[in-house]
Amino acid sequence: MENKSTFTPALQFGLLTGLGMIVYSLIMYLLGVNYKSTWNLLNYLIILVGIFWGMVSIRDRYLDNVMPYGKAFGVGFWIVLFAVLLSSIYSFIFLKYIDPSVLENAMSEAQDKILAANPNISDADLDKAMSMARKFATPAFSAITGFVWNVIVGTVLSLIIAIFAKREDKTIA
């Protein structure tokens, strides 16, 4: 069996998976679902389905139904990387231009939690804590942390899914 490149089809499946994540995110936004809702966990199901669909399709269409574990993991990793990159770019654009109030609402929630946990906090200490929190409540920081977290989760999912998507070559050389 010749060594065929799976980069381009993985890119395509990654972009489709990322697009699915974006569409789902927009639907949740338009329905007014809070970003902390458990419904947002379905994004991981989209990643999982995208990885599995991509691995199996690439194995069957491009690799003559043979894909060792390492190749399956590599395909899954590239799918995740492209999907999460596209989704993170969308996240940055969303938080920067479409609805910047999401981060302001998160800051208000953070302030409420600080006050609930420590009702006797001084104004100076509260201002200091909120100033520190504001440094991290930016569209860029949110997109970067989301990217890193989703790549980690997606990599773990790729390691697991590759077990089921792999198919060894049974022919005698």
N, C-alpha and C. Protein backbone atom coordinates (compact mmCIF):
# COMPACT_ATOMS: atom_id res chain seq x y z
N MET A 1 0.85 -1.18 0.00
CA MET A 1 0.00 0.00 0.00
C MET A 1 0.89 1.24 0.00
N GLU A 2 0.61 2.15 -0.89
CA GLU A 2 1.39 3.38 -0.96
C GLU A 2 0.94 4.33 0.14
N ASN A 3 1.83 5.23 0.50
CA ASN A 3 1.54 6.19 1.56
C ASN A 3 0.85 7.41 0.97
N LYS A 4 -0.47 7.48 1.10
CA LYS A 4 -1.25 8.58 0.54
C LYS A 4 -1.43 9.68 1.59
N SER A 5 -1.39 10.92 1.13
CA SER A 5 -1.57 12.06 2.03
C SER A 5 -3.05 12.19 2.40
N THR A 6 -3.27 12.42 3.67
CA THR A 6 -4.63 12.62 4.16
C THR A 6 -4.85 14.05 4.63
N PHE A 7 -3.88 14.91 4.39
CA PHE A 7 -3.96 16.29 4.88
C PHE A 7 -5.15 17.04 4.28
N THR A 8 -5.28 17.02 2.96
CA THR A 8 -6.35 17.78 2.30
C THR A 8 -7.74 17.30 2.71
N PRO A 9 -8.02 15.98 2.70
CA PRO A 9 -9.35 15.58 3.16
C PRO A 9 -9.58 15.88 4.64
N ALA A 10 -8.53 15.79 5.46
CA ALA A 10 -8.68 16.14 6.88
C ALA A 10 -9.00 17.62 7.02
N LEU A 11 -8.37 18.45 6.20
CA LEU A 11 -8.67 19.89 6.19
C LEU A 11 -10.15 20.11 5.85
N GLN A 12 -10.63 19.41 4.85
CA GLN A 12 -12.03 19.56 4.44
C GLN A 12 -12.99 19.15 5.57
N PHE A 13 -12.72 18.00 6.19
CA PHE A 13 -13.59 17.55 7.28
C PHE A 13 -13.46 18.47 8.49
N GLY A 14 -12.28 19.00 8.72
CA GLY A 14 -12.09 19.95 9.80
C GLY A 14 -12.89 21.22 9.59
N LEU A 15 -12.86 21.72 8.36
CA LEU A 15 -13.63 22.93 8.06
C LEU A 15 -15.13 22.68 8.16
N LEU A 16 -15.58 21.50 7.71
CA LEU A 16 -17.00 21.15 7.85
C LEU A 16 -17.40 21.04 9.32
N THR A 17 -16.54 20.43 10.12
CA THR A 17 -16.83 20.29 11.55
C THR A 17 -16.84 21.66 12.22
N GLY A 18 -15.88 22.51 11.88
CA GLY A 18 -15.85 23.87 12.42
C GLY A 18 -17.08 24.65 12.03
N LEU A 19 -17.51 24.49 10.79
CA LEU A 19 -18.73 25.16 10.33
C LEU A 19 -19.94 24.66 11.12
N GLY A 20 -19.98 23.37 11.39
CA GLY A 20 -21.07 22.81 12.21
C GLY A 20 -21.07 23.41 13.61
N MET A 21 -19.87 23.59 14.18
CA MET A 21 -19.78 24.18 15.51
C MET A 21 -20.27 25.63 15.50
N ILE A 22 -19.92 26.35 14.44
CA ILE A 22 -20.34 27.75 14.33
C ILE A 22 -21.85 27.85 14.16
N VAL A 23 -22.42 27.04 13.30
CA VAL A 23 -23.87 27.06 13.08
C VAL A 23 -24.59 26.72 14.39
N TYR A 24 -24.12 25.71 15.10
CA TYR A 24 -24.74 25.34 16.37
C TYR A 24 -24.64 26.50 17.36
N SER A 25 -23.49 27.14 17.43
CA SER A 25 -23.30 28.27 18.33
C SER A 25 -24.25 29.42 17.99
N LEU A 26 -24.40 29.69 16.71
CA LEU A 26 -25.34 30.74 16.30
C LEU A 26 -26.78 30.40 16.65
N ILE A 27 -27.14 29.14 16.47
CA ILE A 27 -28.50 28.72 16.83
C ILE A 27 -28.73 28.91 18.33
N MET A 28 -27.75 28.51 19.14
CA MET A 28 -27.89 28.68 20.59
C MET A 28 -27.99 30.16 20.95
N TYR A 29 -27.22 31.01 20.26
CA TYR A 29 -27.26 32.45 20.52
C TYR A 29 -28.63 33.02 20.14
N LEU A 30 -29.13 32.65 18.97
CA LEU A 30 -30.41 33.17 18.51
C LEU A 30 -31.57 32.68 19.37
N LEU A 31 -31.42 31.50 19.97
CA LEU A 31 -32.45 30.98 20.87
C LEU A 31 -32.32 31.55 22.28
N GLY A 32 -31.25 32.31 22.51
CA GLY A 32 -31.05 32.94 23.82
C GLY A 32 -30.55 31.98 24.88
N VAL A 33 -29.89 30.90 24.46
CA VAL A 33 -29.36 29.94 25.42
C VAL A 33 -28.09 30.51 26.03
N ASN A 34 -28.01 30.52 27.34
CA ASN A 34 -26.86 31.05 28.06
C ASN A 34 -25.61 30.26 27.71
N TYR A 35 -24.48 30.95 27.62
CA TYR A 35 -23.23 30.28 27.26
C TYR A 35 -22.78 29.26 28.30
N LYS A 36 -23.34 29.30 29.49
CA LYS A 36 -23.01 28.32 30.52
C LYS A 36 -23.97 27.13 30.54
N SER A 37 -24.91 27.11 29.64
CA SER A 37 -25.92 26.06 29.59
C SER A 37 -25.29 24.72 29.22
N THR A 38 -25.88 23.65 29.74
CA THR A 38 -25.40 22.31 29.38
C THR A 38 -25.66 22.00 27.91
N TRP A 39 -26.55 22.74 27.27
CA TRP A 39 -26.78 22.54 25.83
C TRP A 39 -25.51 22.81 25.03
N ASN A 40 -24.65 23.66 25.54
CA ASN A 40 -23.41 23.98 24.83
C ASN A 40 -22.43 22.81 24.83
N LEU A 41 -22.67 21.82 25.66
CA LEU A 41 -21.82 20.62 25.65
C LEU A 41 -22.01 19.82 24.36
N LEU A 42 -23.11 20.07 23.66
CA LEU A 42 -23.33 19.38 22.39
C LEU A 42 -22.27 19.75 21.36
N ASN A 43 -21.56 20.84 21.59
CA ASN A 43 -20.45 21.20 20.71
C ASN A 43 -19.42 20.09 20.68
N TYR A 44 -19.21 19.42 21.82
CA TYR A 44 -18.26 18.32 21.87
C TYR A 44 -18.77 17.11 21.08
N LEU A 45 -20.08 16.95 21.05
CA LEU A 45 -20.67 15.89 20.22
C LEU A 45 -20.42 16.19 18.75
N ILE A 46 -20.52 17.46 18.37
CA ILE A 46 -20.23 17.84 16.99
C ILE A 46 -18.77 17.52 16.65
N ILE A 47 -17.86 17.82 17.57
CA ILE A 47 -16.44 17.50 17.35
C ILE A 47 -16.27 15.99 17.22
N LEU A 48 -16.88 15.24 18.13
CA LEU A 48 -16.77 13.78 18.13
C LEU A 48 -17.28 13.20 16.81
N VAL A 49 -18.45 13.63 16.38
CA VAL A 49 -19.02 13.13 15.12
C VAL A 49 -18.14 13.53 13.94
N GLY A 50 -17.65 14.76 13.94
CA GLY A 50 -16.78 15.22 12.86
C GLY A 50 -15.51 14.39 12.76
N ILE A 51 -14.90 14.07 13.90
CA ILE A 51 -13.68 13.26 13.90
C ILE A 51 -13.98 11.87 13.37
N PHE A 52 -15.01 11.23 13.92
CA PHE A 52 -15.31 9.86 13.51
C PHE A 52 -15.69 9.79 12.04
N TRP A 53 -16.57 10.68 11.62
CA TRP A 53 -17.01 10.73 10.22
C TRP A 53 -15.81 10.96 9.30
N GLY A 54 -14.94 11.88 9.68
CA GLY A 54 -13.76 12.15 8.87
C GLY A 54 -12.82 10.97 8.80
N MET A 55 -12.54 10.35 9.94
CA MET A 55 -11.62 9.20 9.96
C MET A 55 -12.14 8.06 9.08
N VAL A 56 -13.40 7.71 9.28
CA VAL A 56 -13.97 6.59 8.54
C VAL A 56 -14.07 6.91 7.05
N SER A 57 -14.49 8.11 6.71
CA SER A 57 -14.61 8.49 5.30
C SER A 57 -13.25 8.51 4.62
N ILE A 58 -12.26 9.07 5.27
CA ILE A 58 -10.92 9.13 4.69
C ILE A 58 -10.34 7.72 4.55
N ARG A 59 -10.56 6.91 5.57
CA ARG A 59 -10.09 5.52 5.50
C ARG A 59 -10.71 4.80 4.31
N ASP A 60 -12.01 4.94 4.15
CA ASP A 60 -12.71 4.20 3.10
C ASP A 60 -12.50 4.78 1.71
N ARG A 61 -12.47 6.11 1.59
CA ARG A 61 -12.37 6.73 0.27
C ARG A 61 -10.94 6.87 -0.24
N TYR A 62 -10.01 7.18 0.64
CA TYR A 62 -8.67 7.53 0.20
C TYR A 62 -7.61 6.47 0.51
N LEU A 63 -7.89 5.61 1.47
CA LEU A 63 -6.85 4.68 1.93
C LEU A 63 -7.22 3.21 1.70
N ASP A 64 -8.13 2.95 0.80
CA ASP A 64 -8.50 1.57 0.45
C ASP A 64 -8.90 0.73 1.67
N ASN A 65 -9.66 1.33 2.57
CA ASN A 65 -10.19 0.66 3.77
C ASN A 65 -9.12 0.21 4.75
N VAL A 66 -7.94 0.79 4.66
CA VAL A 66 -6.85 0.44 5.58
C VAL A 66 -6.30 1.72 6.20
N MET A 67 -6.31 1.78 7.52
CA MET A 67 -5.73 2.93 8.21
C MET A 67 -5.23 2.49 9.57
N PRO A 68 -3.92 2.46 9.77
CA PRO A 68 -3.38 2.09 11.08
C PRO A 68 -3.75 3.14 12.14
N TYR A 69 -3.57 2.75 13.38
CA TYR A 69 -3.95 3.62 14.50
C TYR A 69 -3.28 4.99 14.41
N GLY A 70 -2.00 5.03 14.15
CA GLY A 70 -1.27 6.30 14.09
C GLY A 70 -1.81 7.22 13.02
N LYS A 71 -2.12 6.68 11.87
CA LYS A 71 -2.68 7.47 10.77
C LYS A 71 -4.07 7.97 11.16
N ALA A 72 -4.86 7.11 11.80
CA ALA A 72 -6.21 7.50 12.24
C ALA A 72 -6.12 8.66 13.24
N PHE A 73 -5.20 8.53 14.19
CA PHE A 73 -5.04 9.62 15.16
C PHE A 73 -4.60 10.90 14.46
N GLY A 74 -3.66 10.80 13.52
CA GLY A 74 -3.20 11.98 12.79
C GLY A 74 -4.33 12.66 12.04
N VAL A 75 -5.17 11.88 11.39
CA VAL A 75 -6.32 12.43 10.68
C VAL A 75 -7.24 13.15 11.67
N GLY A 76 -7.52 12.50 12.79
CA GLY A 76 -8.38 13.12 13.80
C GLY A 76 -7.79 14.40 14.36
N PHE A 77 -6.50 14.40 14.58
CA PHE A 77 -5.84 15.60 15.11
C PHE A 77 -5.96 16.76 14.13
N TRP A 78 -5.72 16.50 12.83
CA TRP A 78 -5.83 17.58 11.83
C TRP A 78 -7.26 18.07 11.73
N ILE A 79 -8.22 17.16 11.78
CA ILE A 79 -9.63 17.57 11.75
C ILE A 79 -9.93 18.51 12.91
N VAL A 80 -9.50 18.11 14.10
CA VAL A 80 -9.73 18.91 15.30
C VAL A 80 -9.04 20.27 15.17
N LEU A 81 -7.81 20.26 14.74
CA LEU A 81 -7.06 21.50 14.66
C LEU A 81 -7.76 22.51 13.74
N PHE A 82 -8.17 22.07 12.56
CA PHE A 82 -8.82 22.99 11.63
C PHE A 82 -10.20 23.40 12.12
N ALA A 83 -10.95 22.47 12.70
CA ALA A 83 -12.29 22.79 13.21
C ALA A 83 -12.21 23.82 14.33
N VAL A 84 -11.30 23.60 15.25
CA VAL A 84 -11.18 24.49 16.40
C VAL A 84 -10.59 25.84 15.98
N LEU A 85 -9.69 25.84 15.02
CA LEU A 85 -9.15 27.11 14.52
C LEU A 85 -10.26 27.95 13.92
N LEU A 86 -11.08 27.35 13.07
CA LEU A 86 -12.20 28.07 12.46
C LEU A 86 -13.18 28.56 13.52
N SER A 87 -13.49 27.70 14.46
CA SER A 87 -14.42 28.05 15.53
C SER A 87 -13.86 29.17 16.42
N SER A 88 -12.57 29.17 16.67
CA SER A 88 -11.96 30.21 17.50
C SER A 88 -11.93 31.56 16.78
N ILE A 89 -11.71 31.54 15.48
CA ILE A 89 -11.77 32.79 14.71
C ILE A 89 -13.18 33.36 14.78
N TYR A 90 -14.17 32.49 14.62
CA TYR A 90 -15.56 32.93 14.75
C TYR A 90 -15.81 33.49 16.16
N SER A 91 -15.32 32.79 17.17
CA SER A 91 -15.53 33.22 18.55
C SER A 91 -14.95 34.63 18.77
N PHE A 92 -13.75 34.86 18.26
CA PHE A 92 -13.15 36.19 18.39
C PHE A 92 -14.02 37.24 17.71
N ILE A 93 -14.44 36.98 16.48
CA ILE A 93 -15.28 37.94 15.74
C ILE A 93 -16.60 38.17 16.48
N PHE A 94 -17.19 37.09 16.99
CA PHE A 94 -18.45 37.21 17.72
C PHE A 94 -18.30 38.10 18.94
N LEU A 95 -17.27 37.82 19.75
CA LEU A 95 -17.09 38.57 21.00
C LEU A 95 -16.61 40.01 20.76
N LYS A 96 -15.91 40.22 19.67
CA LYS A 96 -15.37 41.55 19.38
C LYS A 96 -16.41 42.45 18.69
N TYR A 97 -17.17 41.88 17.74
CA TYR A 97 -18.00 42.72 16.90
C TYR A 97 -19.51 42.43 16.98
N ILE A 98 -19.88 41.18 17.12
CA ILE A 98 -21.31 40.84 17.06
C ILE A 98 -22.00 41.10 18.39
N ASP A 99 -21.44 40.56 19.48
CA ASP A 99 -22.06 40.77 20.79
C ASP A 99 -21.01 40.90 21.89
N PRO A 100 -20.37 42.06 21.98
CA PRO A 100 -19.36 42.27 23.02
C PRO A 100 -19.96 42.25 24.43
N SER A 101 -21.27 42.36 24.54
CA SER A 101 -21.90 42.37 25.86
C SER A 101 -21.76 41.02 26.58
N VAL A 102 -21.44 39.97 25.85
CA VAL A 102 -21.27 38.66 26.49
C VAL A 102 -20.15 38.73 27.54
N LEU A 103 -19.05 39.37 27.19
CA LEU A 103 -17.94 39.49 28.14
C LEU A 103 -18.28 40.43 29.29
N GLU A 104 -19.03 41.50 29.00
CA GLU A 104 -19.45 42.41 30.07
C GLU A 104 -20.40 41.70 31.04
N ASN A 105 -21.29 40.87 30.52
CA ASN A 105 -22.18 40.10 31.39
C ASN A 105 -21.38 39.12 32.24
N ALA A 106 -20.35 38.52 31.67
CA ALA A 106 -19.50 37.62 32.42
C ALA A 106 -18.77 38.37 33.54
N MET A 107 -18.36 39.61 33.26
CA MET A 107 -17.70 40.41 34.29
C MET A 107 -18.68 40.75 35.42
N SER A 108 -19.91 41.04 35.08
CA SER A 108 -20.92 41.32 36.11
C SER A 108 -21.17 40.09 36.97
N GLU A 109 -21.22 38.92 36.32
CA GLU A 109 -21.40 37.68 37.07
C GLU A 109 -20.21 37.43 37.99
N ALA A 110 -19.01 37.71 37.50
CA ALA A 110 -17.80 37.52 38.31
C ALA A 110 -17.84 38.44 39.53
N GLN A 111 -18.26 39.69 39.33
CA GLN A 111 -18.35 40.62 40.44
C GLN A 111 -19.38 40.14 41.46
N ASP A 112 -20.51 39.66 40.98
CA ASP A 112 -21.54 39.14 41.89
C ASP A 112 -21.02 37.96 42.70
N LYS A 113 -20.26 37.07 42.05
CA LYS A 113 -19.70 35.91 42.76
C LYS A 113 -18.68 36.34 43.81
N ILE A 114 -17.86 37.33 43.48
CA ILE A 114 -16.89 37.83 44.45
C ILE A 114 -17.60 38.41 45.66
N LEU A 115 -18.63 39.21 45.40
CA LEU A 115 -19.38 39.82 46.50
C LEU A 115 -20.14 38.79 47.32
N ALA A 116 -20.64 37.74 46.66
CA ALA A 116 -21.36 36.69 47.40
C ALA A 116 -20.40 35.89 48.27
N ALA A 117 -19.20 35.64 47.77
CA ALA A 117 -18.23 34.85 48.52
C ALA A 117 -17.60 35.67 49.64
N ASN A 118 -17.47 36.97 49.43
CA ASN A 118 -16.83 37.82 50.43
C ASN A 118 -17.58 39.15 50.51
N PRO A 119 -18.70 39.17 51.23
CA PRO A 119 -19.51 40.39 51.26
C PRO A 119 -18.81 41.58 51.94
N ASN A 120 -17.78 41.34 52.72
CA ASN A 120 -17.09 42.41 53.43
C ASN A 120 -15.85 42.91 52.68
N ILE A 121 -15.72 42.57 51.41
CA ILE A 121 -14.55 42.98 50.64
C ILE A 121 -14.56 44.50 50.49
N SER A 122 -13.39 45.09 50.59
CA SER A 122 -13.31 46.55 50.44
C SER A 122 -13.45 46.92 48.97
N ASP A 123 -13.83 48.16 48.74
CA ASP A 123 -13.98 48.63 47.37
C ASP A 123 -12.66 48.56 46.61
N ALA A 124 -11.56 48.87 47.31
CA ALA A 124 -10.24 48.84 46.68
C ALA A 124 -9.89 47.41 46.26
N ASP A 125 -10.17 46.43 47.12
CA ASP A 125 -9.87 45.03 46.80
C ASP A 125 -10.77 44.53 45.67
N LEU A 126 -12.03 44.94 45.70
CA LEU A 126 -12.96 44.55 44.62
C LEU A 126 -12.50 45.14 43.29
N ASP A 127 -12.11 46.41 43.32
CA ASP A 127 -11.61 47.05 42.09
C ASP A 127 -10.36 46.35 41.58
N LYS A 128 -9.48 45.95 42.49
CA LYS A 128 -8.25 45.26 42.10
C LYS A 128 -8.58 43.90 41.47
N ALA A 129 -9.51 43.18 42.07
CA ALA A 129 -9.90 41.86 41.54
C ALA A 129 -10.57 42.01 40.18
N MET A 130 -11.44 43.00 40.05
CA MET A 130 -12.13 43.20 38.77
C MET A 130 -11.17 43.70 37.69
N SER A 131 -10.18 44.49 38.09
CA SER A 131 -9.18 44.95 37.12
C SER A 131 -8.39 43.77 36.58
N MET A 132 -8.05 42.85 37.46
CA MET A 132 -7.33 41.64 37.04
C MET A 132 -8.22 40.78 36.13
N ALA A 133 -9.47 40.64 36.48
CA ALA A 133 -10.39 39.84 35.67
C ALA A 133 -10.59 40.46 34.29
N ARG A 134 -10.63 41.79 34.21
CA ARG A 134 -10.82 42.46 32.92
C ARG A 134 -9.66 42.21 31.95
N LYS A 135 -8.47 41.99 32.50
CA LYS A 135 -7.32 41.71 31.64
C LYS A 135 -7.51 40.40 30.88
N PHE A 136 -8.27 39.49 31.48
CA PHE A 136 -8.49 38.18 30.86
C PHE A 136 -9.82 38.10 30.11
N ALA A 137 -10.68 39.05 30.32
CA ALA A 137 -12.00 39.03 29.68
C ALA A 137 -11.96 39.83 28.38
N THR A 138 -11.17 39.33 27.44
CA THR A 138 -11.06 39.98 26.14
C THR A 138 -11.42 38.95 25.07
N PRO A 139 -11.85 39.42 23.91
CA PRO A 139 -12.15 38.48 22.83
C PRO A 139 -10.95 37.61 22.45
N ALA A 140 -9.77 38.21 22.41
CA ALA A 140 -8.58 37.45 22.02
C ALA A 140 -8.25 36.37 23.05
N PHE A 141 -8.27 36.73 24.33
CA PHE A 141 -7.97 35.75 25.37
C PHE A 141 -9.00 34.64 25.39
N SER A 142 -10.26 35.00 25.23
CA SER A 142 -11.32 33.98 25.20
C SER A 142 -11.15 33.03 24.02
N ALA A 143 -10.83 33.58 22.85
CA ALA A 143 -10.64 32.75 21.67
C ALA A 143 -9.42 31.84 21.82
N ILE A 144 -8.34 32.37 22.39
CA ILE A 144 -7.12 31.56 22.56
C ILE A 144 -7.33 30.45 23.58
N THR A 145 -7.95 30.78 24.71
CA THR A 145 -8.17 29.73 25.72
C THR A 145 -9.16 28.69 25.20
N GLY A 146 -10.17 29.14 24.46
CA GLY A 146 -11.10 28.18 23.86
C GLY A 146 -10.41 27.28 22.86
N PHE A 147 -9.51 27.85 22.07
CA PHE A 147 -8.73 27.08 21.10
C PHE A 147 -7.90 26.01 21.81
N VAL A 148 -7.14 26.42 22.81
CA VAL A 148 -6.26 25.48 23.52
C VAL A 148 -7.08 24.38 24.18
N TRP A 149 -8.15 24.75 24.88
CA TRP A 149 -8.97 23.76 25.56
C TRP A 149 -9.59 22.77 24.57
N ASN A 150 -10.14 23.28 23.48
CA ASN A 150 -10.79 22.40 22.51
C ASN A 150 -9.79 21.53 21.76
N VAL A 151 -8.58 22.02 21.54
CA VAL A 151 -7.55 21.16 20.93
C VAL A 151 -7.19 20.02 21.88
N ILE A 152 -7.08 20.32 23.16
CA ILE A 152 -6.78 19.26 24.13
C ILE A 152 -7.89 18.22 24.17
N VAL A 153 -9.13 18.68 24.29
CA VAL A 153 -10.27 17.75 24.31
C VAL A 153 -10.35 16.97 23.00
N GLY A 154 -10.19 17.66 21.88
CA GLY A 154 -10.25 17.01 20.58
C GLY A 154 -9.13 16.00 20.37
N THR A 155 -7.96 16.29 20.90
CA THR A 155 -6.84 15.34 20.80
C THR A 155 -7.14 14.07 21.58
N VAL A 156 -7.69 14.23 22.77
CA VAL A 156 -8.08 13.05 23.57
C VAL A 156 -9.16 12.26 22.84
N LEU A 157 -10.15 12.97 22.29
CA LEU A 157 -11.20 12.28 21.53
C LEU A 157 -10.60 11.56 20.32
N SER A 158 -9.64 12.18 19.65
CA SER A 158 -9.00 11.54 18.49
C SER A 158 -8.25 10.28 18.90
N LEU A 159 -7.59 10.32 20.04
CA LEU A 159 -6.89 9.13 20.53
C LEU A 159 -7.86 7.97 20.76
N ILE A 160 -9.02 8.30 21.31
CA ILE A 160 -10.01 7.26 21.61
C ILE A 160 -10.71 6.79 20.35
N ILE A 161 -11.16 7.73 19.52
CA ILE A 161 -11.91 7.37 18.31
C ILE A 161 -11.04 6.58 17.34
N ALA A 162 -9.75 6.87 17.30
CA ALA A 162 -8.83 6.16 16.40
C ALA A 162 -8.82 4.66 16.69
N ILE A 163 -9.08 4.28 17.92
CA ILE A 163 -9.15 2.85 18.27
C ILE A 163 -10.24 2.15 17.47
N PHE A 164 -11.36 2.85 17.28
CA PHE A 164 -12.51 2.26 16.60
C PHE A 164 -12.48 2.48 15.09
N ALA A 165 -11.79 3.52 14.64
CA ALA A 165 -11.78 3.83 13.22
C ALA A 165 -10.63 3.15 12.47
N LYS A 166 -9.62 2.69 13.18
CA LYS A 166 -8.47 2.08 12.52
C LYS A 166 -8.88 0.76 11.86
N ARG A 167 -8.16 0.41 10.85
CA ARG A 167 -8.37 -0.88 10.21
C ARG A 167 -7.02 -1.30 9.63
N GLU A 168 -6.52 -2.41 10.16
CA GLU A 168 -5.19 -2.88 9.75
C GLU A 168 -5.27 -3.60 8.42
N ASP A 169 -4.15 -3.64 7.72
CA ASP A 169 -4.04 -4.33 6.43
C ASP A 169 -3.91 -5.83 6.70
N LYS A 170 -4.86 -6.60 6.21
CA LYS A 170 -4.88 -8.04 6.47
C LYS A 170 -4.27 -8.85 5.31
N THR A 171 -3.82 -8.15 4.27
CA THR A 171 -3.25 -8.87 3.11
C THR A 171 -1.86 -9.36 3.45
N ILE A 172 -1.49 -10.46 2.79
CA ILE A 172 -0.16 -11.03 2.98
C ILE A 172 0.76 -10.40 1.93
N ALA A 173 1.89 -9.89 2.38
CA ALA A 173 2.81 -9.21 1.46
C ALA A 173 3.58 -10.17 0.63
